[in-house]
C-alpha cells in the first residue's frame, strides 16, 4: 500500500511540474509576442522619423545645389551653409517632438508593462536615428557648401588676373595706334602749311 501511495504522489508531483512548465512556456510565448508586435506609437514615430530624415536630406541637397549658383560669393555660400545647418537642426527638433508624441501615444495605448517598455525603447531608438540622420545631413551639406564656395572663390580670384592683362594690352595697342594717327595728322598739317607758305 505504501508503494502505491508513493507512486501516486510521484505521479501527482510530475503532473504538477508539467503543468507549471506549460504555464511558464505559455507566459514566455506571450511575452515574446508582445515584444515582437510593434506598437502604433512606434510605427508612427518611425514614419515621422523617415519623413523628417528625407526632408533634412532634401534641404541639404537644395542648399548644396544653391551654393555653386551663388557665383563664387563667399558670403552667399556661407549663408547657404548656415541655412542648411539650421534646417537640419530644425529637422532634428521636429523628429524629437514626433518621437515624444509617439511615446505619449504608446503610453496611452493598451499594452502590458513590458510592451510599454519595449515601445518606449523603440521610440527612443527612432529619435536617436532621426537626430543622427539630421546631423549627418547637416555635416554633408555644410561640407559640400564649403567646398563649392572654396572652388568658386578660387576661380574668381584667378579670373581677374588673367582678364587684367587683356585690357592693358588693348589699351597699349589703342594708345599706340592713336599716337601714330596723331603723328601722321601733324605731319600732314605741317606739309600743308609749308605748301601754303610757298
N, C-alpha and C. Protein backbone atom coordinates (compact mmCIF):
# COMPACT_ATOMS: atom_id res chain seq x y z
N UNK A 1 0.85 -1.20 0.00
CA UNK A 1 0.00 0.00 0.00
C UNK A 1 0.88 1.24 0.00
N UNK A 2 1.99 1.19 0.72
CA UNK A 2 2.87 2.35 0.79
C UNK A 2 3.51 2.62 -0.55
N UNK A 3 3.88 1.53 -1.27
CA UNK A 3 4.49 1.73 -2.59
C UNK A 3 3.50 2.38 -3.55
N UNK A 4 2.25 1.93 -3.50
CA UNK A 4 1.25 2.55 -4.37
C UNK A 4 1.05 4.02 -4.03
N UNK A 5 1.06 4.34 -2.74
CA UNK A 5 0.86 5.73 -2.35
C UNK A 5 2.04 6.59 -2.78
N UNK A 6 3.25 6.02 -2.68
CA UNK A 6 4.42 6.78 -3.11
C UNK A 6 4.39 7.02 -4.62
N UNK A 7 4.01 5.99 -5.35
CA UNK A 7 3.92 6.15 -6.81
C UNK A 7 2.87 7.19 -7.17
N UNK A 8 1.78 7.18 -6.45
CA UNK A 8 0.73 8.16 -6.72
C UNK A 8 1.20 9.57 -6.43
N UNK A 9 1.95 9.73 -5.33
CA UNK A 9 2.48 11.06 -5.01
C UNK A 9 3.47 11.52 -6.07
N UNK A 10 4.32 10.61 -6.51
CA UNK A 10 5.29 10.97 -7.55
C UNK A 10 4.59 11.38 -8.84
N UNK A 11 3.55 10.64 -9.21
CA UNK A 11 2.82 10.99 -10.42
C UNK A 11 2.16 12.36 -10.30
N UNK A 12 1.59 12.62 -9.12
CA UNK A 12 0.96 13.92 -8.91
C UNK A 12 2.00 15.05 -8.99
N UNK A 13 3.18 14.81 -8.39
CA UNK A 13 4.23 15.82 -8.45
C UNK A 13 4.69 16.06 -9.88
N UNK A 14 4.82 14.97 -10.65
CA UNK A 14 5.23 15.11 -12.04
C UNK A 14 4.19 15.89 -12.84
N UNK A 15 2.91 15.57 -12.59
CA UNK A 15 1.85 16.29 -13.29
C UNK A 15 1.88 17.78 -12.94
N UNK A 16 2.10 18.07 -11.66
CA UNK A 16 2.16 19.47 -11.25
C UNK A 16 3.34 20.19 -11.90
N UNK A 17 4.48 19.49 -11.95
CA UNK A 17 5.65 20.09 -12.58
C UNK A 17 5.40 20.34 -14.07
N UNK A 18 4.75 19.37 -14.72
CA UNK A 18 4.45 19.55 -16.14
C UNK A 18 3.51 20.74 -16.36
N UNK A 19 2.50 20.83 -15.49
CA UNK A 19 1.58 21.95 -15.61
C UNK A 19 2.29 23.29 -15.40
N UNK A 20 3.18 23.33 -14.42
CA UNK A 20 3.93 24.56 -14.17
C UNK A 20 4.82 24.91 -15.37
N UNK A 21 5.46 23.89 -15.93
CA UNK A 21 6.30 24.13 -17.10
C UNK A 21 5.48 24.65 -18.28
N UNK A 22 4.29 24.05 -18.46
CA UNK A 22 3.42 24.51 -19.55
C UNK A 22 2.99 25.96 -19.33
N UNK A 23 2.65 26.30 -18.10
CA UNK A 23 2.25 27.67 -17.81
C UNK A 23 3.41 28.65 -18.04
N UNK A 24 4.60 28.26 -17.60
CA UNK A 24 5.76 29.12 -17.82
C UNK A 24 6.04 29.30 -19.31
N UNK A 25 5.90 28.21 -20.07
CA UNK A 25 6.13 28.29 -21.52
C UNK A 25 5.12 29.22 -22.18
N UNK A 26 3.86 29.09 -21.74
CA UNK A 26 2.82 29.97 -22.30
C UNK A 26 3.10 31.44 -21.97
N UNK A 27 3.53 31.69 -20.75
CA UNK A 27 3.86 33.07 -20.37
C UNK A 27 5.01 33.61 -21.21
N UNK A 28 6.04 32.79 -21.40
CA UNK A 28 7.18 33.23 -22.20
C UNK A 28 6.77 33.49 -23.65
N UNK A 29 5.92 32.61 -24.19
CA UNK A 29 5.45 32.82 -25.56
C UNK A 29 4.67 34.13 -25.68
N UNK A 30 3.81 34.38 -24.69
CA UNK A 30 3.04 35.62 -24.73
C UNK A 30 3.93 36.85 -24.62
N UNK A 31 4.96 36.78 -23.76
CA UNK A 31 5.88 37.91 -23.63
C UNK A 31 6.64 38.15 -24.93
N UNK A 32 7.08 37.08 -25.57
CA UNK A 32 7.80 37.24 -26.83
C UNK A 32 6.91 37.86 -27.91
N UNK A 33 5.65 37.43 -27.95
CA UNK A 33 4.73 38.01 -28.93
C UNK A 33 4.51 39.50 -28.67
N UNK A 34 4.41 39.86 -27.40
CA UNK A 34 4.23 41.28 -27.07
C UNK A 34 5.45 42.09 -27.47
N UNK A 35 6.64 41.52 -27.28
CA UNK A 35 7.85 42.24 -27.66
C UNK A 35 7.99 42.35 -29.17
N UNK A 36 7.55 41.33 -29.88
CA UNK A 36 7.69 41.34 -31.34
C UNK A 36 6.68 42.25 -32.01
N UNK A 37 5.51 42.39 -31.40
CA UNK A 37 4.48 43.23 -32.02
C UNK A 37 4.80 44.70 -31.76
N UNK A 38 5.02 45.51 -32.81
CA UNK A 38 5.29 46.93 -32.58
C UNK A 38 4.02 47.68 -32.22
N UNK A 39 4.18 48.70 -31.43
CA UNK A 39 3.02 49.50 -31.04
C UNK A 39 2.70 50.51 -32.12
N UNK A 40 1.47 51.05 -32.05
CA UNK A 40 1.07 52.07 -33.02
C UNK A 40 1.94 53.31 -32.89
N UNK A 41 2.27 53.67 -31.66
CA UNK A 41 3.11 54.85 -31.46
C UNK A 41 4.48 54.67 -32.06
N UNK A 42 5.06 53.48 -31.93
CA UNK A 42 6.38 53.24 -32.51
C UNK A 42 6.33 53.31 -34.02
N UNK A 43 5.25 52.75 -34.60
CA UNK A 43 5.12 52.83 -36.07
C UNK A 43 4.98 54.28 -36.52
N UNK A 44 4.19 55.06 -35.81
CA UNK A 44 4.04 56.47 -36.16
C UNK A 44 5.35 57.21 -36.03
N UNK A 45 6.11 56.91 -34.97
CA UNK A 45 7.39 57.59 -34.80
C UNK A 45 8.36 57.20 -35.89
N UNK A 46 8.34 55.93 -36.29
CA UNK A 46 9.23 55.51 -37.38
C UNK A 46 8.89 56.24 -38.67
N UNK A 47 7.58 56.36 -38.96
CA UNK A 47 7.18 57.08 -40.17
C UNK A 47 7.59 58.54 -40.09
N UNK A 48 7.39 59.14 -38.92
CA UNK A 48 7.77 60.55 -38.76
C UNK A 48 9.27 60.74 -38.90
N UNK A 49 10.03 59.79 -38.35
CA UNK A 49 11.49 59.87 -38.45
C UNK A 49 11.94 59.75 -39.89
N UNK A 50 11.34 58.81 -40.63
CA UNK A 50 11.71 58.65 -42.04
C UNK A 50 11.38 59.91 -42.83
N UNK A 51 10.21 60.48 -42.58
CA UNK A 51 9.85 61.71 -43.30
C UNK A 51 10.76 62.87 -42.94
N UNK A 52 11.11 62.98 -41.65
CA UNK A 52 11.99 64.06 -41.23
C UNK A 52 13.38 63.90 -41.82
N UNK A 53 13.90 62.68 -41.83
CA UNK A 53 15.22 62.44 -42.41
C UNK A 53 15.23 62.76 -43.89
N UNK A 54 14.15 62.38 -44.59
CA UNK A 54 14.07 62.68 -46.02
C UNK A 54 14.01 64.19 -46.25
N UNK A 55 13.25 64.90 -45.41
CA UNK A 55 13.17 66.36 -45.56
C UNK A 55 14.51 67.01 -45.29
N UNK A 56 15.23 66.52 -44.28
CA UNK A 56 16.55 67.08 -43.99
C UNK A 56 17.52 66.83 -45.12
N UNK A 57 17.47 65.62 -45.69
CA UNK A 57 18.35 65.31 -46.82
C UNK A 57 18.02 66.18 -48.03
N UNK A 58 16.73 66.40 -48.28
CA UNK A 58 16.33 67.25 -49.41
C UNK A 58 16.79 68.68 -49.20
N UNK A 59 16.66 69.18 -47.97
CA UNK A 59 17.11 70.55 -47.68
C UNK A 59 18.62 70.67 -47.85
N UNK A 60 19.35 69.64 -47.44
CA UNK A 60 20.80 69.65 -47.60
C UNK A 60 21.19 69.66 -49.07
N UNK A 61 20.50 68.85 -49.87
CA UNK A 61 20.80 68.82 -51.31
C UNK A 61 20.47 70.16 -51.97
N UNK A 62 19.35 70.77 -51.59
CA UNK A 62 18.99 72.07 -52.16
C UNK A 62 20.03 73.13 -51.82
N UNK A 63 20.48 73.13 -50.57
CA UNK A 63 21.48 74.12 -50.17
C UNK A 63 22.80 73.89 -50.87
N UNK A 64 23.19 72.62 -51.02
CA UNK A 64 24.44 72.31 -51.72
C UNK A 64 24.35 72.69 -53.19
N UNK A 65 23.17 72.52 -53.79
CA UNK A 65 22.99 72.90 -55.20
C UNK A 65 22.95 74.41 -55.35
N UNK A 66 22.46 75.12 -54.34
CA UNK A 66 22.38 76.58 -54.43
C UNK A 66 23.73 77.24 -54.21
N UNK A 67 24.65 76.56 -53.54
CA UNK A 67 25.95 77.16 -53.26
C UNK A 67 26.76 77.44 -54.51
N UNK A 68 26.90 76.51 -55.49
CA UNK A 68 27.65 76.84 -56.71
C UNK A 68 26.99 77.93 -57.53
N UNK A 69 25.66 78.05 -57.46
CA UNK A 69 24.95 79.06 -58.24
C UNK A 69 25.12 80.45 -57.67
N UNK A 70 25.80 80.58 -56.54
CA UNK A 70 25.99 81.88 -55.92
C UNK A 70 27.04 82.70 -56.65
N UNK A 71 27.68 82.16 -57.67
CA UNK A 71 28.67 82.90 -58.43
C UNK A 71 29.97 83.09 -57.69
N UNK A 72 30.29 82.22 -56.77
CA UNK A 72 31.56 82.31 -56.08
C UNK A 72 31.56 83.28 -54.92
N UNK A 73 30.44 83.79 -54.54
CA UNK A 73 30.36 84.72 -53.43
C UNK A 73 30.52 83.96 -52.13
N UNK A 74 31.55 84.28 -51.39
CA UNK A 74 31.81 83.54 -50.15
C UNK A 74 30.70 83.76 -49.13
N UNK A 75 30.24 85.00 -49.01
CA UNK A 75 29.20 85.29 -48.03
C UNK A 75 27.91 84.53 -48.35
N UNK A 76 27.59 84.48 -49.63
CA UNK A 76 26.38 83.75 -50.02
C UNK A 76 26.52 82.26 -49.72
N UNK A 77 27.70 81.71 -50.02
CA UNK A 77 27.92 80.28 -49.75
C UNK A 77 27.88 80.01 -48.26
N UNK A 78 28.48 80.91 -47.46
CA UNK A 78 28.46 80.72 -46.01
C UNK A 78 27.04 80.81 -45.48
N UNK A 79 26.26 81.76 -46.02
CA UNK A 79 24.86 81.87 -45.59
C UNK A 79 24.07 80.62 -45.95
N UNK A 80 24.36 80.07 -47.14
CA UNK A 80 23.67 78.83 -47.55
C UNK A 80 24.03 77.69 -46.61
N UNK A 81 25.31 77.62 -46.22
CA UNK A 81 25.72 76.56 -45.29
C UNK A 81 25.04 76.73 -43.94
N UNK A 82 24.94 77.98 -43.46
CA UNK A 82 24.27 78.23 -42.19
C UNK A 82 22.79 77.87 -42.27
N UNK A 83 22.16 78.23 -43.39
CA UNK A 83 20.75 77.88 -43.56
C UNK A 83 20.56 76.37 -43.56
N UNK A 84 21.50 75.66 -44.19
CA UNK A 84 21.40 74.20 -44.22
C UNK A 84 21.53 73.61 -42.82
N UNK A 85 22.50 74.13 -42.06
CA UNK A 85 22.67 73.63 -40.69
C UNK A 85 21.43 73.93 -39.85
N UNK A 86 20.86 75.13 -40.04
CA UNK A 86 19.65 75.48 -39.28
C UNK A 86 18.49 74.58 -39.67
N UNK A 87 18.38 74.29 -40.98
CA UNK A 87 17.30 73.40 -41.42
C UNK A 87 17.47 72.00 -40.85
N UNK A 88 18.72 71.53 -40.80
CA UNK A 88 18.96 70.20 -40.23
C UNK A 88 18.65 70.18 -38.74
N UNK A 89 19.02 71.26 -38.04
CA UNK A 89 18.71 71.33 -36.61
C UNK A 89 17.20 71.36 -36.38
N UNK A 90 16.49 72.12 -37.22
CA UNK A 90 15.04 72.16 -37.09
C UNK A 90 14.43 70.79 -37.38
N UNK A 91 15.00 70.08 -38.35
CA UNK A 91 14.50 68.74 -38.66
C UNK A 91 14.73 67.80 -37.48
N UNK A 92 15.88 67.94 -36.82
CA UNK A 92 16.16 67.10 -35.65
C UNK A 92 15.17 67.40 -34.53
N UNK A 93 14.88 68.69 -34.33
CA UNK A 93 13.90 69.07 -33.30
C UNK A 93 12.52 68.50 -33.62
N UNK A 94 12.13 68.56 -34.89
CA UNK A 94 10.84 68.01 -35.29
C UNK A 94 10.79 66.50 -35.07
N UNK A 95 11.91 65.84 -35.37
CA UNK A 95 11.95 64.39 -35.16
C UNK A 95 11.85 64.05 -33.68
N UNK A 96 12.52 64.84 -32.84
CA UNK A 96 12.44 64.61 -31.40
C UNK A 96 11.02 64.83 -30.89
N UNK A 97 10.37 65.89 -31.39
CA UNK A 97 8.99 66.15 -30.97
C UNK A 97 8.06 65.04 -31.44
N UNK A 98 8.29 64.55 -32.67
CA UNK A 98 7.46 63.46 -33.17
C UNK A 98 7.66 62.20 -32.35
N UNK A 99 8.91 61.96 -31.94
CA UNK A 99 9.18 60.78 -31.12
C UNK A 99 8.52 60.92 -29.75
N UNK A 100 8.53 62.14 -29.19
CA UNK A 100 7.87 62.37 -27.90
C UNK A 100 6.36 62.15 -28.01
N UNK A 101 5.78 62.64 -29.10
CA UNK A 101 4.34 62.42 -29.32
C UNK A 101 4.03 60.93 -29.46
N UNK A 102 4.89 60.22 -30.17
CA UNK A 102 4.68 58.78 -30.34
C UNK A 102 4.82 58.05 -29.01
N UNK A 103 5.75 58.52 -28.17
CA UNK A 103 5.91 57.90 -26.86
C UNK A 103 4.67 58.12 -26.00
N UNK A 104 4.09 59.32 -26.07
CA UNK A 104 2.87 59.60 -25.32
C UNK A 104 1.71 58.73 -25.80
N UNK A 105 1.61 58.58 -27.13
CA UNK A 105 0.55 57.74 -27.68
C UNK A 105 0.74 56.28 -27.28
N UNK A 106 2.00 55.85 -27.24
CA UNK A 106 2.27 54.47 -26.85
C UNK A 106 1.95 54.24 -25.38
N UNK A 107 2.19 55.27 -24.55
CA UNK A 107 1.89 55.13 -23.13
C UNK A 107 0.40 55.02 -22.89
N UNK A 108 -0.39 55.68 -23.74
CA UNK A 108 -1.84 55.65 -23.57
C UNK A 108 -2.47 54.39 -24.17
N UNK A 109 -1.74 53.69 -24.99
CA UNK A 109 -2.32 52.50 -25.63
C UNK A 109 -2.43 51.36 -24.64
N UNK A 110 -3.21 50.35 -25.05
CA UNK A 110 -3.45 49.20 -24.17
C UNK A 110 -2.34 48.17 -24.37
N UNK A 111 -1.32 48.30 -23.57
CA UNK A 111 -0.19 47.37 -23.64
C UNK A 111 0.17 46.96 -22.22
N UNK A 112 0.83 45.85 -22.13
CA UNK A 112 1.33 45.42 -20.83
C UNK A 112 2.52 46.28 -20.43
N UNK A 113 3.02 46.08 -19.23
CA UNK A 113 4.15 46.88 -18.77
C UNK A 113 5.38 46.64 -19.65
N UNK A 114 5.60 45.40 -19.98
CA UNK A 114 6.75 45.09 -20.82
C UNK A 114 6.54 45.62 -22.23
N UNK A 115 5.31 45.57 -22.70
CA UNK A 115 5.02 46.14 -24.02
C UNK A 115 5.27 47.64 -24.04
N UNK A 116 4.93 48.33 -22.95
CA UNK A 116 5.18 49.76 -22.88
C UNK A 116 6.67 50.05 -22.86
N UNK A 117 7.40 49.23 -22.10
CA UNK A 117 8.85 49.43 -22.06
C UNK A 117 9.46 49.24 -23.44
N UNK A 118 9.01 48.20 -24.15
CA UNK A 118 9.56 47.95 -25.48
C UNK A 118 9.20 49.08 -26.44
N UNK A 119 7.98 49.60 -26.34
CA UNK A 119 7.59 50.70 -27.23
C UNK A 119 8.39 51.96 -26.92
N UNK A 120 8.65 52.21 -25.63
CA UNK A 120 9.46 53.37 -25.28
C UNK A 120 10.89 53.21 -25.79
N UNK A 121 11.42 51.99 -25.73
CA UNK A 121 12.76 51.76 -26.26
C UNK A 121 12.80 51.97 -27.76
N UNK A 122 11.76 51.49 -28.46
CA UNK A 122 11.69 51.69 -29.91
C UNK A 122 11.58 53.18 -30.25
N UNK A 123 10.80 53.91 -29.46
CA UNK A 123 10.65 55.34 -29.71
C UNK A 123 11.97 56.07 -29.48
N UNK A 124 12.67 55.72 -28.41
CA UNK A 124 13.96 56.35 -28.14
C UNK A 124 14.96 56.04 -29.25
N UNK A 125 14.95 54.80 -29.73
CA UNK A 125 15.85 54.43 -30.82
C UNK A 125 15.51 55.20 -32.09
N UNK A 126 14.21 55.37 -32.35
CA UNK A 126 13.80 56.12 -33.54
C UNK A 126 14.22 57.58 -33.43
N UNK A 127 14.09 58.17 -32.24
CA UNK A 127 14.51 59.57 -32.06
C UNK A 127 16.01 59.71 -32.25
N UNK A 128 16.77 58.76 -31.71
CA UNK A 128 18.23 58.81 -31.88
C UNK A 128 18.61 58.67 -33.35
N UNK A 129 17.90 57.80 -34.07
CA UNK A 129 18.18 57.64 -35.50
C UNK A 129 17.87 58.92 -36.26
N UNK A 130 16.78 59.59 -35.89
CA UNK A 130 16.42 60.84 -36.57
C UNK A 130 17.46 61.92 -36.32
N UNK A 131 17.92 62.03 -35.07
CA UNK A 131 18.94 63.03 -34.76
C UNK A 131 20.23 62.73 -35.51
N UNK A 132 20.61 61.45 -35.57
CA UNK A 132 21.83 61.08 -36.29
C UNK A 132 21.71 61.39 -37.78
N UNK A 133 20.54 61.09 -38.35
CA UNK A 133 20.34 61.36 -39.78
C UNK A 133 20.38 62.86 -40.06
N UNK A 134 19.76 63.65 -39.19
CA UNK A 134 19.77 65.11 -39.39
C UNK A 134 21.18 65.66 -39.25
N UNK A 135 21.94 65.16 -38.25
CA UNK A 135 23.31 65.63 -38.08
C UNK A 135 24.18 65.26 -39.27
N UNK A 136 23.99 64.04 -39.78
CA UNK A 136 24.75 63.61 -40.96
C UNK A 136 24.42 64.47 -42.16
N UNK A 137 23.14 64.76 -42.36
CA UNK A 137 22.74 65.60 -43.49
C UNK A 137 23.31 67.01 -43.36
N UNK A 138 23.30 67.55 -42.13
CA UNK A 138 23.84 68.89 -41.93
C UNK A 138 25.33 68.94 -42.21
N UNK A 139 26.06 67.93 -41.71
CA UNK A 139 27.50 67.89 -41.95
C UNK A 139 27.80 67.77 -43.43
N UNK A 140 27.08 66.90 -44.13
CA UNK A 140 27.32 66.71 -45.56
C UNK A 140 27.02 67.99 -46.33
N UNK A 141 25.92 68.65 -45.99
CA UNK A 141 25.56 69.88 -46.70
C UNK A 141 26.56 70.99 -46.43
N UNK A 142 27.00 71.11 -45.17
CA UNK A 142 27.98 72.14 -44.85
C UNK A 142 29.30 71.89 -45.57
N UNK A 143 29.71 70.62 -45.63
CA UNK A 143 30.95 70.28 -46.33
C UNK A 143 30.84 70.59 -47.81
N UNK A 144 29.72 70.20 -48.42
CA UNK A 144 29.54 70.47 -49.85
C UNK A 144 29.48 71.97 -50.13
N UNK A 145 28.80 72.71 -49.27
CA UNK A 145 28.71 74.16 -49.47
C UNK A 145 30.07 74.82 -49.32
N UNK A 146 30.85 74.37 -48.32
CA UNK A 146 32.18 74.94 -48.12
C UNK A 146 33.09 74.63 -49.29
N UNK A 147 33.04 73.38 -49.78
CA UNK A 147 33.86 73.01 -50.94
C UNK A 147 33.47 73.83 -52.17
N UNK A 148 32.16 73.97 -52.39
CA UNK A 148 31.71 74.74 -53.54
C UNK A 148 32.12 76.19 -53.43
N UNK A 149 32.02 76.76 -52.22
CA UNK A 149 32.41 78.16 -52.03
C UNK A 149 33.90 78.34 -52.25
N UNK A 150 34.71 77.39 -51.75
CA UNK A 150 36.16 77.49 -51.94
C UNK A 150 36.53 77.39 -53.41
N UNK A 151 35.88 76.47 -54.12
CA UNK A 151 36.16 76.31 -55.56
C UNK A 151 35.78 77.56 -56.33
N UNK A 152 34.60 78.10 -56.05
CA UNK A 152 34.16 79.30 -56.76
C UNK A 152 35.03 80.50 -56.41
N UNK A 153 35.44 80.61 -55.13
CA UNK A 153 36.30 81.73 -54.73
C UNK A 153 37.66 81.64 -55.41
N UNK A 154 38.21 80.42 -55.49
CA UNK A 154 39.50 80.25 -56.17
C UNK A 154 39.39 80.61 -57.64
N UNK A 155 38.29 80.19 -58.27
CA UNK A 155 38.10 80.52 -59.68
C UNK A 155 37.93 82.03 -59.87
N UNK A 156 37.26 82.67 -58.93
CA UNK A 156 37.05 84.11 -59.05
C UNK A 156 38.35 84.87 -58.83
N UNK A 157 39.21 84.37 -57.92
CA UNK A 157 40.49 85.03 -57.69
C UNK A 157 41.43 84.88 -58.87
N UNK A 158 41.37 83.75 -59.56
CA UNK A 158 42.25 83.52 -60.70
C UNK A 158 41.79 84.28 -61.93
N UNK A 159 40.50 84.41 -62.14
CA UNK A 159 40.00 85.02 -63.37
C UNK A 159 40.32 86.51 -63.50
N UNK A 160 40.29 87.38 -62.47
CA UNK A 160 40.63 88.79 -62.67
C UNK A 160 42.05 89.00 -63.13
N UNK A 161 42.99 88.20 -62.62
CA UNK A 161 44.38 88.36 -63.04
C UNK A 161 44.55 88.06 -64.52
N UNK A 162 43.92 87.02 -65.00
CA UNK A 162 44.01 86.68 -66.41
C UNK A 162 43.32 87.70 -67.29
N UNK A 163 42.22 88.27 -66.79
CA UNK A 163 41.50 89.24 -67.59
C UNK A 163 42.16 90.62 -67.56
N UNK A 164 42.95 90.90 -66.50
CA UNK A 164 43.56 92.22 -66.37
C UNK A 164 44.63 92.43 -67.43
N UNK A 165 45.25 91.39 -67.91
CA UNK A 165 46.31 91.53 -68.91
C UNK A 165 45.73 91.96 -70.23
N UNK A 166 44.57 91.44 -70.57
CA UNK A 166 43.97 91.75 -71.88
C UNK A 166 43.59 93.22 -72.01
N UNK A 167 42.94 93.85 -71.04
CA UNK A 167 42.62 95.27 -71.20
C UNK A 167 43.86 96.13 -71.31
N UNK A 168 44.94 95.79 -70.55
CA UNK A 168 46.17 96.57 -70.63
C UNK A 168 46.74 96.51 -72.02
N UNK A 169 46.79 95.29 -72.59
CA UNK A 169 47.33 95.14 -73.93
C UNK A 169 46.47 95.88 -74.93
N UNK A 170 45.16 95.83 -74.75
CA UNK A 170 44.27 96.54 -75.66
C UNK A 170 44.47 98.04 -75.57
N UNK A 171 44.65 98.53 -74.32
CA UNK A 171 44.86 99.95 -74.14
C UNK A 171 46.17 100.39 -74.77
N UNK A 172 47.22 99.55 -74.61
CA UNK A 172 48.52 99.89 -75.20
C UNK A 172 48.40 99.97 -76.71
N UNK A 173 47.73 98.98 -77.30
CA UNK A 173 47.60 98.97 -78.75
C UNK A 173 46.78 100.15 -79.23
N UNK A 174 45.70 100.47 -78.50
CA UNK A 174 44.88 101.60 -78.91
C UNK A 174 45.63 102.91 -78.77
N UNK A 175 46.41 103.03 -77.67
CA UNK A 175 47.17 104.26 -77.47
C UNK A 175 48.25 104.41 -78.52
N UNK A 176 48.91 103.29 -78.88
CA UNK A 176 49.95 103.36 -79.90
C UNK A 176 49.34 103.73 -81.25
N UNK A 177 48.17 103.15 -81.55
CA UNK A 177 47.53 103.48 -82.81
C UNK A 177 47.09 104.92 -82.84
N UNK A 178 46.58 105.41 -81.70
CA UNK A 178 46.14 106.80 -81.65
C UNK A 178 47.33 107.74 -81.78
N UNK A 179 48.46 107.38 -81.15
CA UNK A 179 49.64 108.23 -81.24
C UNK A 179 50.18 108.27 -82.66
N UNK A 180 50.17 107.09 -83.31
CA UNK A 180 50.65 107.04 -84.69
C UNK A 180 49.74 107.85 -85.60
N UNK A 181 48.42 107.76 -85.36
CA UNK A 181 47.50 108.53 -86.19
C UNK A 181 47.67 110.02 -85.95
N UNK A 182 47.88 110.41 -84.69
CA UNK A 182 48.07 111.83 -84.40
C UNK A 182 49.35 112.36 -85.02
N UNK A 183 50.42 111.54 -85.00
CA UNK A 183 51.68 111.97 -85.61
C UNK A 183 51.53 112.13 -87.12
N UNK A 184 50.80 111.19 -87.74
CA UNK A 184 50.60 111.31 -89.19
C UNK A 184 49.78 112.55 -89.52
N UNK A 185 48.78 112.86 -88.66
CA UNK A 185 47.98 114.05 -88.89
C UNK A 185 48.81 115.32 -88.76
N UNK A 186 49.72 115.33 -87.77
CA UNK A 186 50.57 116.51 -87.59
C UNK A 186 51.50 116.69 -88.78
N UNK A 187 52.01 115.59 -89.30
CA UNK A 187 52.87 115.68 -90.48
C UNK A 187 52.09 116.23 -91.67
N UNK A 188 50.87 115.76 -91.85
CA UNK A 188 50.05 116.27 -92.95
C UNK A 188 49.80 117.77 -92.80
N UNK A 189 49.52 118.21 -91.57
CA UNK A 189 49.28 119.63 -91.35
C UNK A 189 50.52 120.47 -91.63
N UNK A 190 51.67 119.96 -91.18
CA UNK A 190 52.92 120.72 -91.41
C UNK A 190 53.22 120.84 -92.89
N UNK A 191 53.01 119.74 -93.62
CA UNK A 191 53.25 119.78 -95.06
C UNK A 191 52.28 120.73 -95.75
N UNK A 192 51.04 120.75 -95.29
CA UNK A 192 50.06 121.65 -95.88
C UNK A 192 50.43 123.10 -95.62
N UNK A 193 50.94 123.39 -94.42
CA UNK A 193 51.35 124.76 -94.07
C UNK A 193 52.51 125.20 -94.94
N UNK A 194 53.46 124.30 -95.14
CA UNK A 194 54.62 124.64 -95.98
C UNK A 194 54.18 124.94 -97.41
N UNK A 195 53.25 124.18 -97.92
CA UNK A 195 52.78 124.40 -99.29
C UNK A 195 52.09 125.77 -99.41
N UNK A 196 51.32 126.14 -98.42
CA UNK A 196 50.64 127.43 -98.48
C UNK A 196 51.64 128.57 -98.39
N UNK A 197 52.68 128.38 -97.56
CA UNK A 197 53.69 129.43 -97.44
C UNK A 197 54.44 129.61 -98.75
N UNK A 198 54.72 128.55 -99.44
CA UNK A 198 55.41 128.65 -100.72
C UNK A 198 54.50 129.31 -101.73
